[in-house]
Amino acid sequence: MGFVPEQIEDFLAVFEENKHKIRGFEGCTHVELLRDIKQSNQFFTYSHWESEKHLNNYRNSTLFKSVWANTKNKFNQKPEAWSTEQV
């Protein structure tokens, strides 16, 4: 996620306020926030979910909608998301 530099502190506050709620969401086993070492306005959330169904339940939840509404207005580029599996 790329952020408008002036919006980074607000985004970090939103993440800090909600990270425990996300971690506590059914099916979430891990969530953390990563920052690019060269582009300080570029962030990544890294999460583990028990299943795609659990992830989709989160994406359709009130919690996600609230966090997303308070995050997407801070972007300076289109966000990207990937679902991966360990090989």
N, C-alpha and C. Protein backbone atom coordinates (compact mmCIF):
# COMPACT_ATOMS: atom_id res chain seq x y z
N MET A 1 0.85 -1.16 0.00
CA MET A 1 0.00 0.00 0.00
C MET A 1 0.90 1.23 0.00
N GLY A 2 0.69 2.11 -0.95
CA GLY A 2 1.44 3.36 -1.01
C GLY A 2 0.60 4.49 -0.44
N PHE A 3 1.18 5.26 0.47
CA PHE A 3 0.44 6.31 1.15
C PHE A 3 0.96 7.70 0.80
N VAL A 4 0.05 8.65 0.83
CA VAL A 4 0.43 10.05 0.79
C VAL A 4 1.30 10.26 2.04
N PRO A 5 2.51 10.79 1.89
CA PRO A 5 3.41 10.92 3.04
C PRO A 5 2.78 11.59 4.26
N GLU A 6 1.97 12.61 4.05
CA GLU A 6 1.34 13.31 5.17
C GLU A 6 0.27 12.48 5.87
N GLN A 7 -0.12 11.35 5.28
CA GLN A 7 -1.17 10.49 5.86
C GLN A 7 -0.60 9.29 6.61
N ILE A 8 0.71 9.12 6.60
CA ILE A 8 1.32 7.92 7.18
C ILE A 8 1.02 7.81 8.68
N GLU A 9 1.20 8.88 9.42
CA GLU A 9 0.95 8.82 10.87
C GLU A 9 -0.50 8.46 11.17
N ASP A 10 -1.42 9.00 10.40
CA ASP A 10 -2.84 8.64 10.59
C ASP A 10 -3.07 7.17 10.29
N PHE A 11 -2.45 6.66 9.22
CA PHE A 11 -2.59 5.24 8.90
C PHE A 11 -2.02 4.38 10.03
N LEU A 12 -0.83 4.74 10.52
CA LEU A 12 -0.22 3.96 11.60
C LEU A 12 -1.12 3.94 12.84
N ALA A 13 -1.80 5.03 13.10
CA ALA A 13 -2.73 5.08 14.23
C ALA A 13 -3.92 4.14 14.00
N VAL A 14 -4.45 4.12 12.78
CA VAL A 14 -5.55 3.21 12.44
C VAL A 14 -5.11 1.77 12.62
N PHE A 15 -3.92 1.45 12.12
CA PHE A 15 -3.42 0.07 12.25
C PHE A 15 -3.23 -0.29 13.73
N GLU A 16 -2.61 0.58 14.47
CA GLU A 16 -2.35 0.31 15.89
C GLU A 16 -3.66 0.10 16.65
N GLU A 17 -4.66 0.89 16.33
CA GLU A 17 -5.95 0.79 17.00
C GLU A 17 -6.67 -0.52 16.69
N ASN A 18 -6.40 -1.09 15.51
CA ASN A 18 -7.18 -2.24 15.06
C ASN A 18 -6.42 -3.56 14.96
N LYS A 19 -5.10 -3.56 15.12
CA LYS A 19 -4.33 -4.79 14.89
C LYS A 19 -4.75 -5.92 15.83
N HIS A 20 -5.08 -5.61 17.08
CA HIS A 20 -5.48 -6.67 18.01
C HIS A 20 -6.86 -7.22 17.65
N LYS A 21 -7.73 -6.37 17.13
CA LYS A 21 -9.04 -6.83 16.69
C LYS A 21 -8.89 -7.76 15.48
N ILE A 22 -8.00 -7.41 14.57
CA ILE A 22 -7.77 -8.24 13.39
C ILE A 22 -7.17 -9.57 13.82
N ARG A 23 -6.16 -9.52 14.68
CA ARG A 23 -5.54 -10.76 15.18
C ARG A 23 -6.55 -11.63 15.90
N GLY A 24 -7.53 -11.00 16.54
CA GLY A 24 -8.53 -11.75 17.27
C GLY A 24 -9.69 -12.24 16.42
N PHE A 25 -9.69 -11.86 15.14
CA PHE A 25 -10.78 -12.27 14.26
C PHE A 25 -10.68 -13.77 14.01
N GLU A 26 -11.82 -14.44 14.01
CA GLU A 26 -11.83 -15.90 13.83
C GLU A 26 -11.07 -16.30 12.56
N GLY A 27 -10.09 -17.18 12.73
CA GLY A 27 -9.32 -17.71 11.61
C GLY A 27 -8.01 -17.00 11.37
N CYS A 28 -7.79 -15.84 11.99
CA CYS A 28 -6.52 -15.13 11.82
C CYS A 28 -5.53 -15.65 12.85
N THR A 29 -4.38 -16.10 12.38
CA THR A 29 -3.36 -16.62 13.28
C THR A 29 -2.15 -15.70 13.37
N HIS A 30 -2.08 -14.69 12.49
CA HIS A 30 -0.92 -13.78 12.50
C HIS A 30 -1.24 -12.57 11.64
N VAL A 31 -0.82 -11.40 12.11
CA VAL A 31 -0.89 -10.18 11.29
C VAL A 31 0.22 -9.25 11.74
N GLU A 32 0.91 -8.67 10.77
CA GLU A 32 1.94 -7.69 11.08
C GLU A 32 2.01 -6.66 9.97
N LEU A 33 2.62 -5.53 10.29
CA LEU A 33 2.78 -4.45 9.34
C LEU A 33 4.26 -4.33 9.00
N LEU A 34 4.56 -4.29 7.70
CA LEU A 34 5.93 -4.16 7.21
C LEU A 34 6.05 -2.87 6.42
N ARG A 35 7.27 -2.31 6.43
CA ARG A 35 7.52 -1.06 5.71
C ARG A 35 8.72 -1.26 4.80
N ASP A 36 8.62 -0.76 3.58
CA ASP A 36 9.72 -0.84 2.64
C ASP A 36 10.90 -0.02 3.16
N ILE A 37 12.10 -0.56 3.05
CA ILE A 37 13.27 0.13 3.60
C ILE A 37 13.74 1.29 2.73
N LYS A 38 13.33 1.32 1.47
CA LYS A 38 13.75 2.39 0.57
C LYS A 38 12.65 3.41 0.29
N GLN A 39 11.40 2.97 0.33
CA GLN A 39 10.26 3.86 0.10
C GLN A 39 9.43 3.90 1.38
N SER A 40 9.68 4.88 2.20
CA SER A 40 9.09 4.90 3.54
C SER A 40 7.58 5.09 3.57
N ASN A 41 6.99 5.39 2.41
CA ASN A 41 5.53 5.52 2.36
C ASN A 41 4.86 4.24 1.85
N GLN A 42 5.65 3.17 1.65
CA GLN A 42 5.14 1.90 1.13
C GLN A 42 5.05 0.88 2.26
N PHE A 43 3.85 0.35 2.50
CA PHE A 43 3.61 -0.60 3.58
C PHE A 43 2.97 -1.87 3.05
N PHE A 44 3.11 -2.93 3.83
CA PHE A 44 2.53 -4.23 3.52
C PHE A 44 1.95 -4.81 4.80
N THR A 45 0.74 -5.31 4.72
CA THR A 45 0.25 -6.11 5.84
C THR A 45 0.49 -7.57 5.46
N TYR A 46 0.94 -8.33 6.42
CA TYR A 46 1.26 -9.74 6.22
C TYR A 46 0.44 -10.51 7.25
N SER A 47 -0.46 -11.34 6.75
CA SER A 47 -1.34 -12.07 7.68
C SER A 47 -1.45 -13.53 7.28
N HIS A 48 -1.74 -14.36 8.29
CA HIS A 48 -1.97 -15.79 8.08
C HIS A 48 -3.42 -16.08 8.47
N TRP A 49 -4.08 -16.83 7.62
CA TRP A 49 -5.47 -17.20 7.87
C TRP A 49 -5.60 -18.70 7.77
N GLU A 50 -6.46 -19.27 8.61
CA GLU A 50 -6.66 -20.72 8.62
C GLU A 50 -7.17 -21.23 7.27
N SER A 51 -7.94 -20.41 6.58
CA SER A 51 -8.47 -20.81 5.28
C SER A 51 -8.89 -19.55 4.50
N GLU A 52 -9.12 -19.75 3.22
CA GLU A 52 -9.61 -18.64 2.39
C GLU A 52 -11.00 -18.21 2.86
N LYS A 53 -11.77 -19.14 3.35
CA LYS A 53 -13.10 -18.81 3.86
C LYS A 53 -13.00 -17.86 5.05
N HIS A 54 -12.05 -18.10 5.95
CA HIS A 54 -11.86 -17.20 7.08
C HIS A 54 -11.44 -15.80 6.61
N LEU A 55 -10.54 -15.75 5.63
CA LEU A 55 -10.11 -14.47 5.09
C LEU A 55 -11.29 -13.73 4.45
N ASN A 56 -12.09 -14.44 3.69
CA ASN A 56 -13.26 -13.81 3.05
C ASN A 56 -14.28 -13.35 4.08
N ASN A 57 -14.44 -14.12 5.16
CA ASN A 57 -15.33 -13.67 6.24
C ASN A 57 -14.84 -12.35 6.82
N TYR A 58 -13.52 -12.23 7.00
CA TYR A 58 -12.96 -10.96 7.48
C TYR A 58 -13.19 -9.85 6.47
N ARG A 59 -12.94 -10.12 5.20
CA ARG A 59 -13.11 -9.09 4.16
C ARG A 59 -14.56 -8.60 4.07
N ASN A 60 -15.50 -9.43 4.48
CA ASN A 60 -16.91 -9.06 4.44
C ASN A 60 -17.43 -8.55 5.79
N SER A 61 -16.53 -8.39 6.74
CA SER A 61 -16.95 -8.01 8.10
C SER A 61 -17.05 -6.50 8.28
N THR A 62 -17.75 -6.11 9.31
CA THR A 62 -17.85 -4.71 9.70
C THR A 62 -16.47 -4.18 10.08
N LEU A 63 -15.67 -5.01 10.74
CA LEU A 63 -14.32 -4.59 11.13
C LEU A 63 -13.50 -4.20 9.91
N PHE A 64 -13.46 -5.07 8.90
CA PHE A 64 -12.69 -4.76 7.70
C PHE A 64 -13.22 -3.49 7.04
N LYS A 65 -14.54 -3.40 6.90
CA LYS A 65 -15.12 -2.23 6.22
C LYS A 65 -14.75 -0.94 6.93
N SER A 66 -14.72 -0.97 8.26
CA SER A 66 -14.35 0.20 9.03
C SER A 66 -12.87 0.55 8.85
N VAL A 67 -12.00 -0.46 8.96
CA VAL A 67 -10.56 -0.24 8.79
C VAL A 67 -10.28 0.24 7.37
N TRP A 68 -10.89 -0.40 6.38
CA TRP A 68 -10.65 -0.04 4.99
C TRP A 68 -11.11 1.39 4.70
N ALA A 69 -12.25 1.77 5.23
CA ALA A 69 -12.76 3.14 5.01
C ALA A 69 -11.80 4.17 5.57
N ASN A 70 -11.10 3.83 6.66
CA ASN A 70 -10.16 4.76 7.28
C ASN A 70 -8.75 4.62 6.73
N THR A 71 -8.56 3.74 5.75
CA THR A 71 -7.24 3.51 5.16
C THR A 71 -7.19 3.95 3.71
N LYS A 72 -8.19 3.57 2.92
CA LYS A 72 -8.12 3.78 1.47
C LYS A 72 -8.05 5.26 1.08
N ASN A 73 -8.56 6.12 1.92
CA ASN A 73 -8.51 7.55 1.61
C ASN A 73 -7.13 8.16 1.82
N LYS A 74 -6.17 7.36 2.25
CA LYS A 74 -4.82 7.82 2.51
C LYS A 74 -3.83 7.36 1.43
N PHE A 75 -4.30 6.58 0.46
CA PHE A 75 -3.42 6.02 -0.57
C PHE A 75 -3.01 7.06 -1.61
N ASN A 76 -1.83 6.86 -2.17
CA ASN A 76 -1.40 7.66 -3.31
C ASN A 76 -1.23 6.79 -4.55
N GLN A 77 -1.65 5.53 -4.45
CA GLN A 77 -1.61 4.60 -5.57
C GLN A 77 -2.63 3.49 -5.31
N LYS A 78 -2.95 2.76 -6.34
CA LYS A 78 -3.90 1.65 -6.20
C LYS A 78 -3.27 0.55 -5.35
N PRO A 79 -3.96 0.09 -4.31
CA PRO A 79 -3.40 -0.98 -3.48
C PRO A 79 -3.43 -2.32 -4.21
N GLU A 80 -2.53 -3.20 -3.82
CA GLU A 80 -2.49 -4.55 -4.39
C GLU A 80 -2.55 -5.55 -3.25
N ALA A 81 -3.11 -6.72 -3.53
CA ALA A 81 -3.18 -7.79 -2.53
C ALA A 81 -2.88 -9.12 -3.21
N TRP A 82 -2.22 -9.99 -2.48
CA TRP A 82 -1.91 -11.32 -2.98
C TRP A 82 -2.30 -12.33 -1.90
N SER A 83 -2.78 -13.47 -2.35
CA SER A 83 -2.95 -14.63 -1.48
C SER A 83 -1.92 -15.64 -1.95
N THR A 84 -1.17 -16.16 -1.01
CA THR A 84 -0.07 -17.08 -1.35
C THR A 84 -0.20 -18.35 -0.53
N GLU A 85 0.61 -19.33 -0.91
CA GLU A 85 0.69 -20.56 -0.15
C GLU A 85 2.14 -20.97 -0.04
N GLN A 86 2.46 -21.64 1.03
CA GLN A 86 3.83 -22.09 1.24
C GLN A 86 4.14 -23.28 0.35
N VAL A 87 5.32 -23.29 -0.25
CA VAL A 87 5.72 -24.42 -1.11
C VAL A 87 6.96 -25.08 -0.58
